[in-house]
C-alpha atoms as a PDB file:
ATOM      1  CA  UNK A   1      12.303 -28.087  24.477  1.00  0.00           C
ATOM      2  CA  UNK A   2       8.958 -26.323  24.836  1.00  0.00           C
ATOM      3  CA  UNK A   3      10.634 -22.933  25.483  1.00  0.00           C
ATOM      4  CA  UNK A   4      12.807 -23.252  22.363  1.00  0.00           C
ATOM      5  CA  UNK A   5       9.690 -23.901  20.306  1.00  0.00           C
ATOM      6  CA  UNK A   6       7.923 -20.940  21.930  1.00  0.00           C
ATOM      7  CA  UNK A   7      10.836 -18.590  21.322  1.00  0.00           C
ATOM      8  CA  UNK A   8      11.116 -19.717  17.702  1.00  0.00           C
ATOM      9  CA  UNK A   9       7.385 -19.265  17.173  1.00  0.00           C
ATOM     10  CA  UNK A  10       7.433 -15.796  18.741  1.00  0.00           C
ATOM     11  CA  UNK A  11      10.393 -14.770  16.578  1.00  0.00           C
ATOM     12  CA  UNK A  12       8.680 -15.787  13.341  1.00  0.00           C
ATOM     13  CA  UNK A  13       5.414 -14.207  14.466  1.00  0.00           C
ATOM     14  CA  UNK A  14       7.178 -10.912  15.201  1.00  0.00           C
ATOM     15  CA  UNK A  15       8.880 -10.966  11.787  1.00  0.00           C
ATOM     16  CA  UNK A  16       5.534 -11.635  10.125  1.00  0.00           C
ATOM     17  CA  UNK A  17       3.822  -8.792  11.967  1.00  0.00           C
ATOM     18  CA  UNK A  18       6.599  -6.319  11.157  1.00  0.00           C
ATOM     19  CA  UNK A  19       6.287  -6.868   7.433  1.00  0.00           C
ATOM     20  CA  UNK A  20       2.757  -5.672   6.826  1.00  0.00           C
ATOM     21  CA  UNK A  21       1.603  -2.453   5.223  1.00  0.00           C
ATOM     22  CA  UNK A  22      -0.126   0.048   7.486  1.00  0.00           C
ATOM     23  CA  UNK A  23      -3.843  -0.639   7.709  1.00  0.00           C
ATOM     24  CA  UNK A  24      -6.467   1.386   9.507  1.00  0.00           C
ATOM     25  CA  UNK A  25     -10.181   2.086   9.654  1.00  0.00           C
ATOM     26  CA  UNK A  26      -9.226   5.736   8.966  1.00  0.00           C
ATOM     27  CA  UNK A  27      -8.192   7.658   5.858  1.00  0.00           C
ATOM     28  CA  UNK A  28      -6.188  10.825   5.251  1.00  0.00           C
ATOM     29  CA  UNK A  29      -9.370  12.660   4.206  1.00  0.00           C
ATOM     30  CA  UNK A  30     -12.975  12.085   5.245  1.00  0.00           C
ATOM     31  CA  UNK A  31     -14.090  11.979   1.612  1.00  0.00           C
ATOM     32  CA  UNK A  32     -12.480  12.253  -1.822  1.00  0.00           C
ATOM     33  CA  UNK A  33     -11.929  15.793  -3.092  1.00  0.00           C
ATOM     34  CA  UNK A  34      -9.124  15.508  -5.665  1.00  0.00           C
ATOM     35  CA  UNK A  35     -10.194  14.729  -9.210  1.00  0.00           C
ATOM     36  CA  UNK A  36      -8.999  11.540 -10.912  1.00  0.00           C
ATOM     37  CA  UNK A  37      -5.737  12.020 -12.795  1.00  0.00           C
ATOM     38  CA  UNK A  38      -6.296  10.680 -16.300  1.00  0.00           C
ATOM     39  CA  UNK A  39      -2.574  10.114 -16.965  1.00  0.00           C
ATOM     40  CA  UNK A  40      -2.296   7.409 -14.297  1.00  0.00           C
ATOM     41  CA  UNK A  41      -5.342   5.438 -15.460  1.00  0.00           C
ATOM     42  CA  UNK A  42      -4.635   2.122 -17.147  1.00  0.00           C
ATOM     43  CA  UNK A  43      -2.526  -0.964 -16.572  1.00  0.00           C
ATOM     44  CA  UNK A  44       0.914  -0.719 -14.994  1.00  0.00           C
ATOM     45  CA  UNK A  45       3.418  -3.555 -14.670  1.00  0.00           C
ATOM     46  CA  UNK A  46       6.596  -4.268 -12.741  1.00  0.00           C
ATOM     47  CA  UNK A  47       8.522  -7.168 -11.254  1.00  0.00           C
ATOM     48  CA  UNK A  48       8.719  -7.955  -7.539  1.00  0.00           C
ATOM     49  CA  UNK A  49      11.374 -10.055  -5.909  1.00  0.00           C
ATOM     50  CA  UNK A  50      10.150 -13.210  -4.164  1.00  0.00           C
ATOM     51  CA  UNK A  51      11.783 -14.319  -0.898  1.00  0.00           C
ATOM     52  CA  UNK A  52      13.839 -16.862  -2.873  1.00  0.00           C
ATOM     53  CA  UNK A  53      15.282 -14.065  -5.063  1.00  0.00           C
ATOM     54  CA  UNK A  54      13.284 -14.909  -8.191  1.00  0.00           C
ATOM     55  CA  UNK A  55      11.384 -12.038  -9.830  1.00  0.00           C
ATOM     56  CA  UNK A  56       7.681 -12.323 -10.641  1.00  0.00           C
ATOM     57  CA  UNK A  57       5.425  -9.920 -12.599  1.00  0.00           C
ATOM     58  CA  UNK A  58       2.740  -7.854 -10.876  1.00  0.00           C
ATOM     59  CA  UNK A  59       0.195  -5.639 -12.594  1.00  0.00           C
ATOM     60  CA  UNK A  60      -1.696  -2.660 -11.157  1.00  0.00           C
ATOM     61  CA  UNK A  61      -4.900  -1.644 -12.936  1.00  0.00           C
ATOM     62  CA  UNK A  62      -6.392   1.782 -12.224  1.00  0.00           C
ATOM     63  CA  UNK A  63      -9.736   2.777 -13.712  1.00  0.00           C
ATOM     64  CA  UNK A  64     -12.092   5.646 -13.067  1.00  0.00           C
ATOM     65  CA  UNK A  65     -14.947   4.862 -10.675  1.00  0.00           C
ATOM     66  CA  UNK A  66     -16.269   8.431 -10.624  1.00  0.00           C
ATOM     67  CA  UNK A  67     -14.814  11.958 -10.792  1.00  0.00           C
ATOM     68  CA  UNK A  68     -12.810  11.555  -7.554  1.00  0.00           C
ATOM     69  CA  UNK A  69     -12.388   7.790  -7.029  1.00  0.00           C
ATOM     70  CA  UNK A  70     -10.497   4.956  -8.692  1.00  0.00           C
ATOM     71  CA  UNK A  71     -11.158   1.259  -9.022  1.00  0.00           C
ATOM     72  CA  UNK A  72      -7.890  -0.489  -8.234  1.00  0.00           C
ATOM     73  CA  UNK A  73      -6.816  -4.078  -8.865  1.00  0.00           C
ATOM     74  CA  UNK A  74      -3.562  -5.957  -8.354  1.00  0.00           C
ATOM     75  CA  UNK A  75      -2.830  -9.139 -10.326  1.00  0.00           C
ATOM     76  CA  UNK A  76       0.175 -11.389 -10.639  1.00  0.00           C
ATOM     77  CA  UNK A  77       2.451 -12.769  -7.937  1.00  0.00           C
ATOM     78  CA  UNK A  78       0.129 -12.622  -4.937  1.00  0.00           C
ATOM     79  CA  UNK A  79       0.664 -15.995  -3.230  1.00  0.00           C
ATOM     80  CA  UNK A  80       1.774 -14.358   0.031  1.00  0.00           C
ATOM     81  CA  UNK A  81      -1.667 -12.725   0.290  1.00  0.00           C
ATOM     82  CA  UNK A  82      -3.652 -15.976   0.284  1.00  0.00           C
ATOM     83  CA  UNK A  83      -3.638 -16.332   4.107  1.00  0.00           C
ATOM     84  CA  UNK A  84      -5.245 -12.874   4.416  1.00  0.00           C
ATOM     85  CA  UNK A  85      -8.238 -13.964   2.262  1.00  0.00           C
ATOM     86  CA  UNK A  86      -8.225 -10.826   0.108  1.00  0.00           C
ATOM     87  CA  UNK A  87      -7.731 -12.644  -3.212  1.00  0.00           C
ATOM     88  CA  UNK A  88     -10.639 -13.052  -5.586  1.00  0.00           C
ATOM     89  CA  UNK A  89      -9.476 -15.602  -8.167  1.00  0.00           C
ATOM     90  CA  UNK A  90      -6.087 -14.157  -9.160  1.00  0.00           C
ATOM     91  CA  UNK A  91      -6.441 -10.539  -8.079  1.00  0.00           C
ATOM     92  CA  UNK A  92      -6.980  -8.150  -5.198  1.00  0.00           C
ATOM     93  CA  UNK A  93      -9.552  -5.435  -5.942  1.00  0.00           C
ATOM     94  CA  UNK A  94     -10.753  -2.349  -4.171  1.00  0.00           C
ATOM     95  CA  UNK A  95     -11.261   1.384  -4.484  1.00  0.00           C
ATOM     96  CA  UNK A  96      -8.955   4.329  -3.916  1.00  0.00           C
ATOM     97  CA  UNK A  97      -8.883   8.088  -3.809  1.00  0.00           C
ATOM     98  CA  UNK A  98      -6.104  10.640  -3.825  1.00  0.00           C
ATOM     99  CA  UNK A  99      -5.030  12.822  -0.894  1.00  0.00           C
ATOM    100  CA  UNK A 100      -2.133  15.183  -0.388  1.00  0.00           C
ATOM    101  CA  UNK A 101      -0.166  15.413   2.839  1.00  0.00           C
ATOM    102  CA  UNK A 102       3.321  16.723   3.603  1.00  0.00           C
ATOM    103  CA  UNK A 103       3.546  17.958   0.010  1.00  0.00           C
ATOM    104  CA  UNK A 104       3.162  14.422  -1.412  1.00  0.00           C
ATOM    105  CA  UNK A 105       0.406  12.467  -3.111  1.00  0.00           C
ATOM    106  CA  UNK A 106      -1.127   9.444  -1.412  1.00  0.00           C
ATOM    107  CA  UNK A 107      -3.710   6.876  -2.354  1.00  0.00           C
ATOM    108  CA  UNK A 108      -6.206   5.867   0.317  1.00  0.00           C
ATOM    109  CA  UNK A 109      -6.790   2.286  -0.823  1.00  0.00           C
ATOM    110  CA  UNK A 110      -9.775   0.364   0.542  1.00  0.00           C
ATOM    111  CA  UNK A 111      -9.747  -3.427   0.161  1.00  0.00           C
ATOM    112  CA  UNK A 112     -12.407  -5.502   1.897  1.00  0.00           C
ATOM    113  CA  UNK A 113     -13.193  -2.705   4.379  1.00  0.00           C
ATOM    114  CA  UNK A 114      -9.574  -2.061   5.376  1.00  0.00           C
ATOM    115  CA  UNK A 115      -7.738   1.127   4.400  1.00  0.00           C
ATOM    116  CA  UNK A 116      -4.111   1.245   3.324  1.00  0.00           C
ATOM    117  CA  UNK A 117      -2.090   4.423   2.822  1.00  0.00           C
ATOM    118  CA  UNK A 118       0.427   4.421  -0.033  1.00  0.00           C
ATOM    119  CA  UNK A 119       2.515   7.240  -1.402  1.00  0.00           C
ATOM    120  CA  UNK A 120       2.029   7.649  -5.144  1.00  0.00           C
ATOM    121  CA  UNK A 121       4.942   8.849  -7.264  1.00  0.00           C
ATOM    122  CA  UNK A 122       4.584   9.578 -10.967  1.00  0.00           C
ATOM    123  CA  UNK A 123       7.803  10.711 -12.625  1.00  0.00           C
ATOM    124  CA  UNK A 124       9.162  10.374 -16.151  1.00  0.00           C
ATOM    125  CA  UNK A 125       6.254   8.148 -17.170  1.00  0.00           C
ATOM    126  CA  UNK A 126       6.935   5.674 -14.341  1.00  0.00           C
ATOM    127  CA  UNK A 127       4.482   5.042 -11.516  1.00  0.00           C
ATOM    128  CA  UNK A 128       5.468   3.897  -8.020  1.00  0.00           C
ATOM    129  CA  UNK A 129       3.107   2.865  -5.236  1.00  0.00           C
ATOM    130  CA  UNK A 130       4.830   2.853  -1.843  1.00  0.00           C
ATOM    131  CA  UNK A 131       2.674   1.683   1.095  1.00  0.00           C
ATOM    132  CA  UNK A 132       3.608   2.904   4.548  1.00  0.00           C
ATOM    133  CA  UNK A 133       4.886   0.212   6.898  1.00  0.00           C
ATOM    134  CA  UNK A 134       2.681  -0.853   9.818  1.00  0.00           C
ATOM    135  CA  UNK A 135       4.986   0.729  12.415  1.00  0.00           C
ATOM    136  CA  UNK A 136       5.518   4.093  10.670  1.00  0.00           C
ATOM    137  CA  UNK A 137       4.027   5.605  13.822  1.00  0.00           C
ATOM    138  CA  UNK A 138       3.806   4.360  17.386  1.00  0.00           C
ATOM    139  CA  UNK A 139       0.852   6.624  18.079  1.00  0.00           C
ATOM    140  CA  UNK A 140      -2.635   5.190  18.515  1.00  0.00           C
ATOM    141  CA  UNK A 141      -4.688   6.579  15.619  1.00  0.00           C
ATOM    142  CA  UNK A 142      -8.288   7.339  16.580  1.00  0.00           C
ATOM    143  CA  UNK A 143      -9.567   9.420  13.653  1.00  0.00           C
ATOM    144  CA  UNK A 144      -8.776  10.749  10.169  1.00  0.00           C
ATOM    145  CA  UNK A 145      -7.169  13.955  11.485  1.00  0.00           C
ATOM    146  CA  UNK A 146      -4.760  12.032  13.721  1.00  0.00           C
ATOM    147  CA  UNK A 147      -3.769   9.824  10.786  1.00  0.00           C
ATOM    148  CA  UNK A 148      -3.058  12.891   8.630  1.00  0.00           C
ATOM    149  CA  UNK A 149      -1.041  14.514  11.446  1.00  0.00           C
ATOM    150  CA  UNK A 150       0.971  11.314  11.965  1.00  0.00           C
ATOM    151  CA  UNK A 151       1.771  11.006   8.246  1.00  0.00           C
ATOM    152  CA  UNK A 152       2.836  14.657   8.055  1.00  0.00           C
ATOM    153  CA  UNK A 153       4.957  14.314  11.208  1.00  0.00           C
ATOM    154  CA  UNK A 154       6.559  11.148   9.811  1.00  0.00           C
ATOM    155  CA  UNK A 155       7.599  12.856   6.573  1.00  0.00           C
ATOM    156  CA  UNK A 156       8.875  15.971   8.372  1.00  0.00           C
ATOM    157  CA  UNK A 157      11.017  14.096  10.912  1.00  0.00           C
ATOM    158  CA  UNK A 158      12.551  11.341   8.776  1.00  0.00           C
ATOM    159  CA  UNK A 159      15.275  11.501   6.191  1.00  0.00           C
ATOM    160  CA  UNK A 160      13.698   8.477   4.462  1.00  0.00           C
ATOM    161  CA  UNK A 161      10.060   7.507   4.807  1.00  0.00           C
ATOM    162  CA  UNK A 162       9.309   4.017   6.103  1.00  0.00           C
ATOM    163  CA  UNK A 163       7.729   1.931   3.360  1.00  0.00           C
ATOM    164  CA  UNK A 164       6.777  -1.724   3.432  1.00  0.00           C
ATOM    165  CA  UNK A 165       9.367  -2.952   0.929  1.00  0.00           C
ATOM    166  CA  UNK A 166       7.601  -6.292   0.452  1.00  0.00           C
ATOM    167  CA  UNK A 167       4.541  -4.506  -0.955  1.00  0.00           C
ATOM    168  CA  UNK A 168       6.197  -1.630  -2.851  1.00  0.00           C
ATOM    169  CA  UNK A 169       5.576  -1.470  -6.582  1.00  0.00           C
ATOM    170  CA  UNK A 170       8.417   0.650  -7.909  1.00  0.00           C
ATOM    171  CA  UNK A 171       8.864   2.249 -11.313  1.00  0.00           C
ATOM    172  CA  UNK A 172       5.955   0.538 -13.029  1.00  0.00           C
ATOM    173  CA  UNK A 173       5.627   1.006 -16.754  1.00  0.00           C
ATOM    174  CA  UNK A 174       2.321   1.489 -18.548  1.00  0.00           C
ATOM    175  CA  UNK A 175       1.201  -1.553 -20.541  1.00  0.00           C
ATOM    176  CA  UNK A 176      -1.741  -2.177 -22.872  1.00  0.00           C
END
């Protein structure tokens, strides 16, 4: 009976750990160098699918912190984030800056001292934020350069990049 419980617990723990966006103490660039893109500033909204299949609204708010950095906030359906203690009232806030790697744009998002790497796509007036999945690389990352090399290698060797689908915000529309 005890082994069945242990196996069940390990299974659910492994599923939980596999569905997290990539986090690291490192960033793609040491410091911000790309200027803020005015056209992506503002409030963006989309719907995300809950585990039960119901859709809930989520809003992304990007504002200018300085010439090269953004203030970033996520509001809406964030109940799954409560165990991680990153919520302040009803939102998750942090800072971000843009980097380019493998010919794509990425946001280096810092929330409560942890960095997340998310590909940023802006096409036809729609904004998508696609965070890399925790296991996009099996390499131990020890500095910013190794992170950049791993991201570039990932995009060069894969037909489809590995995103954390649970945290993707796809085709957001600009709202007031």
